[in-house]
């Protein structure tokens, strides 16, 4: 077992060790950071998009596409790492949804 804090190994100090550069832990950490960089922006853009009174069917599907793309991105990045372009495709699909909503919201509130 690998831990980043010494207080976490007190329950079983023989098998556990403190390690800061475990490759599996670092991969999961990077996946979480990627989610933290993309999901809050999506939520802000989605709020503006919803305020622009979009077609409910399109909005619902855009939200589904983004959610599924982020779930698949996390899976192919952290759970079952796959070679590129699997991760890139899921990343770009989720960003495409965000860009689409940004453009639609911008069009509604500026023109």
Protein backbone atom coordinates (compact mmCIF):
# COMPACT_ATOMS: atom_id res chain seq x y z
CA UNK A 1 0.00 0.00 0.00
CA UNK A 2 1.14 3.51 -0.80
CA UNK A 3 0.25 6.62 1.15
CA UNK A 4 1.27 10.26 0.84
CA UNK A 5 0.94 11.09 4.55
CA UNK A 6 2.80 9.44 7.41
CA UNK A 7 -0.23 9.54 9.70
CA UNK A 8 -2.08 7.24 7.28
CA UNK A 9 0.35 4.34 7.78
CA UNK A 10 -0.03 4.09 11.57
CA UNK A 11 -2.62 1.30 11.34
CA UNK A 12 -0.27 -1.06 9.47
CA UNK A 13 3.30 0.28 9.33
CA UNK A 14 4.85 -3.02 8.15
CA UNK A 15 3.09 -3.21 4.77
CA UNK A 16 2.38 0.47 4.14
CA UNK A 17 4.90 3.05 3.03
CA UNK A 18 4.97 6.74 2.28
CA UNK A 19 5.68 7.45 -1.36
CA UNK A 20 5.15 10.65 -3.30
CA UNK A 21 5.87 9.51 -6.84
CA UNK A 22 3.87 6.33 -7.35
CA UNK A 23 2.96 6.23 -11.09
CA UNK A 24 -0.55 4.85 -10.54
CA UNK A 25 -1.38 7.46 -7.92
CA UNK A 26 0.05 10.22 -10.11
CA UNK A 27 -2.08 9.08 -13.06
CA UNK A 28 -5.26 9.22 -10.97
CA UNK A 29 -4.21 12.60 -9.56
CA UNK A 30 -3.74 13.99 -13.07
CA UNK A 31 -7.15 12.65 -14.10
CA UNK A 32 -8.76 14.37 -11.11
CA UNK A 33 -6.96 17.62 -11.89
CA UNK A 34 -8.17 17.42 -15.47
CA UNK A 35 -11.74 17.03 -14.22
CA UNK A 36 -11.28 19.98 -11.87
CA UNK A 37 -10.11 22.10 -14.79
CA UNK A 38 -12.99 21.20 -17.11
CA UNK A 39 -16.12 20.49 -15.08
CA UNK A 40 -16.45 23.84 -13.22
CA UNK A 41 -16.10 25.75 -16.49
CA UNK A 42 -18.75 23.53 -18.04
CA UNK A 43 -21.12 24.22 -15.13
CA UNK A 44 -20.71 27.99 -15.52
CA UNK A 45 -21.18 27.84 -19.28
CA UNK A 46 -24.16 25.49 -18.85
CA UNK A 47 -25.84 27.99 -16.53
CA UNK A 48 -25.46 30.76 -19.11
CA UNK A 49 -26.63 28.38 -21.83
CA UNK A 50 -29.75 27.42 -19.88
CA UNK A 51 -30.52 31.11 -19.28
CA UNK A 52 -30.42 31.61 -23.07
CA UNK A 53 -33.59 29.49 -23.36
CA UNK A 54 -32.23 26.72 -25.62
CA UNK A 55 -34.20 23.94 -27.23
CA UNK A 56 -34.73 21.46 -24.33
CA UNK A 57 -33.98 18.41 -26.48
CA UNK A 58 -30.67 19.86 -27.70
CA UNK A 59 -29.70 21.07 -24.22
CA UNK A 60 -30.48 17.69 -22.70
CA UNK A 61 -28.36 15.89 -25.29
CA UNK A 62 -25.46 18.34 -24.96
CA UNK A 63 -25.44 17.71 -21.19
CA UNK A 64 -25.52 13.96 -21.77
CA UNK A 65 -22.72 14.11 -24.33
CA UNK A 66 -20.51 16.13 -21.99
CA UNK A 67 -21.21 13.87 -19.03
CA UNK A 68 -20.54 10.66 -20.95
CA UNK A 69 -17.39 12.10 -22.53
CA UNK A 70 -16.01 13.10 -19.11
CA UNK A 71 -16.86 9.70 -17.63
CA UNK A 72 -15.15 7.93 -20.54
CA UNK A 73 -12.20 10.32 -20.27
CA UNK A 74 -11.72 9.42 -16.62
CA UNK A 75 -12.03 5.72 -17.40
CA UNK A 76 -9.50 5.74 -20.25
CA UNK A 77 -7.14 8.00 -18.30
CA UNK A 78 -7.22 6.62 -14.76
CA UNK A 79 -9.09 3.31 -14.56
CA UNK A 80 -8.20 1.38 -17.73
CA UNK A 81 -5.50 3.42 -19.50
CA UNK A 82 -5.81 3.16 -23.26
CA UNK A 83 -3.38 4.47 -25.85
CA UNK A 84 -4.08 7.72 -27.63
CA UNK A 85 -6.30 8.87 -29.30
CA UNK A 86 -8.90 7.45 -26.87
CA UNK A 87 -8.28 10.07 -24.20
CA UNK A 88 -7.91 12.90 -26.72
CA UNK A 89 -11.20 12.03 -28.43
CA UNK A 90 -13.15 12.07 -25.18
CA UNK A 91 -11.44 15.32 -24.15
CA UNK A 92 -12.29 17.03 -27.44
CA UNK A 93 -15.89 15.81 -27.43
CA UNK A 94 -16.46 17.28 -23.98
CA UNK A 95 -14.77 20.53 -24.98
CA UNK A 96 -16.82 20.68 -28.16
CA UNK A 97 -19.99 20.56 -26.06
CA UNK A 98 -18.68 23.40 -23.90
CA UNK A 99 -17.68 25.49 -26.92
CA UNK A 100 -21.08 24.93 -28.56
CA UNK A 101 -22.89 26.12 -25.43
CA UNK A 102 -20.55 29.11 -25.13
CA UNK A 103 -21.25 30.19 -28.70
CA UNK A 104 -25.00 29.75 -28.32
CA UNK A 105 -25.08 31.68 -25.06
CA UNK A 106 -22.92 34.43 -26.55
CA UNK A 107 -25.17 34.69 -29.60
CA UNK A 108 -28.30 34.93 -27.48
CA UNK A 109 -27.04 37.64 -25.15
CA UNK A 110 -25.11 39.81 -27.62
CA UNK A 111 -27.26 39.89 -30.76
